[in-house]
Each structure stands twice: as C-alpha cells, then as structure tokens.
Amino acid sequence: MKITIVTLALSTMLVAGTLLTSCKSPTQKEEAAQAKVDEAQQDLNAAQVKVASQEEWATFKIESELKINDNEIRIAELKVKMKKPGKVFDALYQKRIDDLEKRNLDMRVRMETYEKSQSDWESFKTEFNHDMDELGKSLKDLTVDNK
C-alpha cells in the first residue's frame, strides 16, 4: 500500500511539474507567433523571383536572336560544305550537324517560352547564355580537324 501511495504521489508531482513548465504566458505565445510571421515573411521575400524589365528583355531577345541566326547561318554553311563533291563526310558528321540544328531550334523555343511565362529572370538568363555559349563552341569544334 505504501508503494501505491508513493507511486501516486510521484506521478502527481510529475504531472503537475510538467503542466507548470510547459505552459507559456500570453506574451511568450505572442513573441513565438511574431517570430514565425517574421520567418515566413523572409521566406516569401526570398522566394519571390525577379522578372525581366521590358527594356532588359528586349535587349536580351535581340542579342539572342542574332546569336541564333548566326548559328543557323553556320549550320547552313556546314550543310553546303558537306554536299560538295570531293569531300567525304560520314554519317557521324551529318548526325552532329542535325543535333546542332535541333539544339539551336530548342534555344529559339526556350526563348519564346520564357517570353510567355516570365519566370525567374536571372536563372533563365544565366542558363540560356551558358547553353548558347556551349552551342557556339560545339559549332566551332565541329569544323576543327583533330586528326
């Protein structure tokens, strides 16, 4: 019987201690809520994406169109060079030209898609310029003879 009374007394003290220490005052609750609101506001500010201004987009679009058109001209020249008699071009060369042509077309489509969606400008611009540079390097590397 003594064990039951001692166990009951200890469990009562434990429950009472837990309740007293876990309760927050209204000011503590308000401070915690304000901290959550501030954190959510910071997350919202960080998540907002920058959209290109009209003049920024117009300049970028013109420059990109020029690069894409230059690439189309290079591809057309490569196709003409490939059809000249006396030079033997293999199927791999033809496939590379077709791949470059497809990548160039994809770049044009990506630019048109961005114009309609207006997503994250900085991310788009960086990725697009990187891909255009890679395409330009691929076009230059195609004509270099590594033999």
C-alpha atoms as a PDB file:
ATOM      1  CA  MET A   1       0.000   0.000   0.000  1.00  0.00           C
ATOM      2  CA  LYS A   2       2.871   2.342   0.766  1.00  0.00           C
ATOM      3  CA  ILE A   3       4.281   1.733  -2.715  1.00  0.00           C
ATOM      4  CA  THR A   4       0.968   2.706  -4.341  1.00  0.00           C
ATOM      5  CA  ILE A   5       0.740   5.896  -2.309  1.00  0.00           C
ATOM      6  CA  VAL A   6       4.362   6.800  -3.094  1.00  0.00           C
ATOM      7  CA  THR A   7       3.866   5.991  -6.805  1.00  0.00           C
ATOM      8  CA  LEU A   8       0.653   8.023  -6.889  1.00  0.00           C
ATOM      9  CA  ALA A   9       2.326  10.964  -5.149  1.00  0.00           C
ATOM     10  CA  LEU A  10       5.337  10.871  -7.510  1.00  0.00           C
ATOM     11  CA  SER A  11       3.204  10.648 -10.627  1.00  0.00           C
ATOM     12  CA  THR A  12       1.006  13.528  -9.380  1.00  0.00           C
ATOM     13  CA  MET A  13       4.084  15.680  -8.783  1.00  0.00           C
ATOM     14  CA  LEU A  14       5.477  14.730 -12.189  1.00  0.00           C
ATOM     15  CA  VAL A  15       2.237  15.654 -13.982  1.00  0.00           C
ATOM     16  CA  ALA A  16       1.946  18.911 -12.029  1.00  0.00           C
ATOM     17  CA  GLY A  17       5.568  19.805 -12.807  1.00  0.00           C
ATOM     18  CA  THR A  18       5.086  19.064 -16.493  1.00  0.00           C
ATOM     19  CA  LEU A  19       1.964  21.194 -16.703  1.00  0.00           C
ATOM     20  CA  LEU A  20       3.571  24.120 -14.925  1.00  0.00           C
ATOM     21  CA  THR A  21       6.726  24.119 -17.016  1.00  0.00           C
ATOM     22  CA  SER A  22       5.018  23.609 -20.381  1.00  0.00           C
ATOM     23  CA  CYS A  23       2.563  26.445 -20.044  1.00  0.00           C
ATOM     24  CA  LYS A  24       3.534  29.650 -21.779  1.00  0.00           C
ATOM     25  CA  SER A  25       2.404  33.082 -20.843  1.00  0.00           C
ATOM     26  CA  PRO A  26       0.410  35.086 -23.404  1.00  0.00           C
ATOM     27  CA  THR A  27       3.416  37.320 -24.094  1.00  0.00           C
ATOM     28  CA  GLN A  28       5.593  34.281 -24.804  1.00  0.00           C
ATOM     29  CA  LYS A  29       2.945  32.922 -27.193  1.00  0.00           C
ATOM     30  CA  GLU A  30       2.722  36.301 -28.930  1.00  0.00           C
ATOM     31  CA  GLU A  31       6.501  36.512 -29.299  1.00  0.00           C
ATOM     32  CA  ALA A  32       6.652  32.997 -30.745  1.00  0.00           C
ATOM     33  CA  ALA A  33       3.852  33.787 -33.205  1.00  0.00           C
ATOM     34  CA  GLN A  34       5.574  37.039 -34.254  1.00  0.00           C
ATOM     35  CA  ALA A  35       8.828  35.148 -34.820  1.00  0.00           C
ATOM     36  CA  LYS A  36       7.009  32.664 -37.071  1.00  0.00           C
ATOM     37  CA  VAL A  37       5.393  35.512 -39.024  1.00  0.00           C
ATOM     38  CA  ASP A  38       8.769  37.227 -39.477  1.00  0.00           C
ATOM     39  CA  GLU A  39      10.346  33.980 -40.660  1.00  0.00           C
ATOM     40  CA  ALA A  40       7.504  33.361 -43.105  1.00  0.00           C
ATOM     41  CA  GLN A  41       7.871  36.915 -44.461  1.00  0.00           C
ATOM     42  CA  GLN A  42      11.595  36.387 -45.002  1.00  0.00           C
ATOM     43  CA  ASP A  43      10.897  33.110 -46.792  1.00  0.00           C
ATOM     44  CA  LEU A  44       8.340  34.844 -49.002  1.00  0.00           C
ATOM     45  CA  ASN A  45      10.780  37.622 -49.869  1.00  0.00           C
ATOM     46  CA  ALA A  46      13.461  35.079 -50.711  1.00  0.00           C
ATOM     47  CA  ALA A  47      11.061  33.076 -52.865  1.00  0.00           C
ATOM     48  CA  GLN A  48       9.918  35.995 -54.980  1.00  0.00           C
ATOM     49  CA  VAL A  49      11.554  35.856 -58.372  1.00  0.00           C
ATOM     50  CA  LYS A  50      12.823  38.758 -60.382  1.00  0.00           C
ATOM     51  CA  VAL A  51      11.117  39.232 -63.710  1.00  0.00           C
ATOM     52  CA  ALA A  52      12.884  40.981 -66.563  1.00  0.00           C
ATOM     53  CA  SER A  53      12.010  44.572 -67.312  1.00  0.00           C
ATOM     54  CA  GLN A  54      10.730  45.379 -70.780  1.00  0.00           C
ATOM     55  CA  GLU A  55      13.933  47.011 -71.994  1.00  0.00           C
ATOM     56  CA  GLU A  56      16.108  44.322 -70.400  1.00  0.00           C
ATOM     57  CA  TRP A  57      14.065  41.621 -72.124  1.00  0.00           C
ATOM     58  CA  ALA A  58      14.048  43.459 -75.469  1.00  0.00           C
ATOM     59  CA  THR A  59      17.843  43.830 -75.424  1.00  0.00           C
ATOM     60  CA  PHE A  60      18.365  40.213 -74.415  1.00  0.00           C
ATOM     61  CA  LYS A  61      15.926  38.992 -77.058  1.00  0.00           C
ATOM     62  CA  ILE A  62      17.627  40.944 -79.849  1.00  0.00           C
ATOM     63  CA  GLU A  63      21.078  39.695 -78.834  1.00  0.00           C
ATOM     64  CA  SER A  64      19.838  36.120 -78.581  1.00  0.00           C
ATOM     65  CA  GLU A  65      18.044  36.292 -81.923  1.00  0.00           C
ATOM     66  CA  LEU A  66      21.288  37.481 -83.526  1.00  0.00           C
ATOM     67  CA  LYS A  67      23.230  34.580 -81.990  1.00  0.00           C
ATOM     68  CA  ILE A  68      20.580  32.070 -83.060  1.00  0.00           C
ATOM     69  CA  ASN A  69      20.544  33.489 -86.597  1.00  0.00           C
ATOM     70  CA  ASP A  70      24.359  33.321 -86.744  1.00  0.00           C
ATOM     71  CA  ASN A  71      24.175  29.695 -85.654  1.00  0.00           C
ATOM     72  CA  GLU A  72      21.605  28.964 -88.366  1.00  0.00           C
ATOM     73  CA  ILE A  73      23.918  30.509 -90.960  1.00  0.00           C
ATOM     74  CA  ARG A  74      26.865  28.391 -89.745  1.00  0.00           C
ATOM     75  CA  ILE A  75      24.731  25.247 -89.847  1.00  0.00           C
ATOM     76  CA  ALA A  76      23.580  26.049 -93.374  1.00  0.00           C
ATOM     77  CA  GLU A  77      27.212  26.599 -94.431  1.00  0.00           C
ATOM     78  CA  LEU A  78      28.178  23.248 -92.899  1.00  0.00           C
ATOM     79  CA  LYS A  79      25.384  21.523 -94.798  1.00  0.00           C
ATOM     80  CA  VAL A  80      26.502  23.123 -98.067  1.00  0.00           C
ATOM     81  CA  LYS A  81      30.126  22.197 -97.379  1.00  0.00           C
ATOM     82  CA  MET A  82      29.056  18.633 -96.653  1.00  0.00           C
ATOM     83  CA  LYS A  83      27.357  18.291-100.058  1.00  0.00           C
ATOM     84  CA  LYS A  84      30.373  19.482-102.062  1.00  0.00           C
ATOM     85  CA  PRO A  85      31.845  16.801-104.289  1.00  0.00           C
ATOM     86  CA  GLY A  86      35.272  15.523-103.472  1.00  0.00           C
ATOM     87  CA  LYS A  87      34.864  15.633 -99.706  1.00  0.00           C
ATOM     88  CA  VAL A  88      33.763  12.562 -97.894  1.00  0.00           C
ATOM     89  CA  PHE A  89      31.643  13.217 -94.832  1.00  0.00           C
ATOM     90  CA  ASP A  90      30.443  10.370 -92.765  1.00  0.00           C
ATOM     91  CA  ALA A  91      27.094   9.770 -91.111  1.00  0.00           C
ATOM     92  CA  LEU A  92      28.521  10.886 -87.744  1.00  0.00           C
ATOM     93  CA  TYR A  93      29.258  14.327 -89.171  1.00  0.00           C
ATOM     94  CA  GLN A  94      25.707  14.521 -90.554  1.00  0.00           C
ATOM     95  CA  LYS A  95      24.284  13.468 -87.185  1.00  0.00           C
ATOM     96  CA  ARG A  96      26.322  16.136 -85.375  1.00  0.00           C
ATOM     97  CA  ILE A  97      25.052  18.814 -87.734  1.00  0.00           C
ATOM     98  CA  ASP A  98      21.464  17.633 -87.196  1.00  0.00           C
ATOM     99  CA  ASP A  99      21.965  17.665 -83.411  1.00  0.00           C
ATOM    100  CA  LEU A 100      23.356  21.202 -83.531  1.00  0.00           C
ATOM    101  CA  GLU A 101      20.436  22.302 -85.667  1.00  0.00           C
ATOM    102  CA  LYS A 102      17.982  20.784 -83.180  1.00  0.00           C
ATOM    103  CA  ARG A 103      19.746  22.431 -80.220  1.00  0.00           C
ATOM    104  CA  ASN A 104      19.609  25.798 -81.994  1.00  0.00           C
ATOM    105  CA  LEU A 105      15.895  25.350 -82.628  1.00  0.00           C
ATOM    106  CA  ASP A 106      15.397  24.370 -78.974  1.00  0.00           C
ATOM    107  CA  MET A 107      17.105  27.602 -77.912  1.00  0.00           C
ATOM    108  CA  ARG A 108      14.662  29.610 -80.018  1.00  0.00           C
ATOM    109  CA  VAL A 109      11.726  27.713 -78.489  1.00  0.00           C
ATOM    110  CA  ARG A 110      13.061  28.279 -74.956  1.00  0.00           C
ATOM    111  CA  MET A 111      13.284  31.992 -75.608  1.00  0.00           C
ATOM    112  CA  GLU A 112       9.704  32.125 -76.889  1.00  0.00           C
ATOM    113  CA  THR A 113       8.504  30.044 -73.943  1.00  0.00           C
ATOM    114  CA  TYR A 114      10.136  32.401 -71.455  1.00  0.00           C
ATOM    115  CA  GLU A 115       8.513  35.383 -73.124  1.00  0.00           C
ATOM    116  CA  LYS A 116       5.100  33.851 -72.402  1.00  0.00           C
ATOM    117  CA  SER A 117       5.794  32.587 -68.874  1.00  0.00           C
ATOM    118  CA  GLN A 118       8.120  35.302 -67.453  1.00  0.00           C
ATOM    119  CA  SER A 119       9.635  33.063 -64.765  1.00  0.00           C
ATOM    120  CA  ASP A 120      12.840  33.708 -62.792  1.00  0.00           C
ATOM    121  CA  TRP A 121      14.830  36.113 -64.969  1.00  0.00           C
ATOM    122  CA  GLU A 122      18.316  35.747 -63.505  1.00  0.00           C
ATOM    123  CA  SER A 123      18.170  31.968 -63.574  1.00  0.00           C
ATOM    124  CA  PHE A 124      16.823  31.891 -67.134  1.00  0.00           C
ATOM    125  CA  LYS A 125      19.360  34.407 -68.414  1.00  0.00           C
ATOM    126  CA  THR A 126      22.328  32.612 -66.870  1.00  0.00           C
ATOM    127  CA  GLU A 127      21.252  29.189 -68.094  1.00  0.00           C
ATOM    128  CA  PHE A 128      20.305  30.430 -71.559  1.00  0.00           C
ATOM    129  CA  ASN A 129      23.617  32.252 -72.064  1.00  0.00           C
ATOM    130  CA  HIS A 130      25.546  29.207 -70.874  1.00  0.00           C
ATOM    131  CA  ASP A 131      23.693  26.949 -73.313  1.00  0.00           C
ATOM    132  CA  MET A 132      24.200  29.434 -76.176  1.00  0.00           C
ATOM    133  CA  ASP A 133      27.928  29.552 -75.456  1.00  0.00           C
ATOM    134  CA  GLU A 134      28.093  25.760 -75.426  1.00  0.00           C
ATOM    135  CA  LEU A 135      26.240  25.606 -78.736  1.00  0.00           C
ATOM    136  CA  GLY A 136      28.639  28.136 -80.257  1.00  0.00           C
ATOM    137  CA  LYS A 137      31.639  26.126 -79.035  1.00  0.00           C
ATOM    138  CA  SER A 138      30.128  22.947 -80.464  1.00  0.00           C
ATOM    139  CA  LEU A 139      29.700  24.617 -83.846  1.00  0.00           C
ATOM    140  CA  LYS A 140      33.313  25.784 -83.820  1.00  0.00           C
ATOM    141  CA  ASP A 141      34.607  22.403 -82.653  1.00  0.00           C
ATOM    142  CA  LEU A 142      32.740  20.621 -85.429  1.00  0.00           C
ATOM    143  CA  THR A 143      34.846  22.296 -88.099  1.00  0.00           C
ATOM    144  CA  VAL A 144      38.178  21.706 -86.337  1.00  0.00           C
ATOM    145  CA  ASP A 145      40.081  18.720 -87.664  1.00  0.00           C
ATOM    146  CA  ASN A 146      41.626  16.838 -84.737  1.00  0.00           C
ATOM    147  CA  LYS A 147      43.398  14.267 -86.889  1.00  0.00           C
END
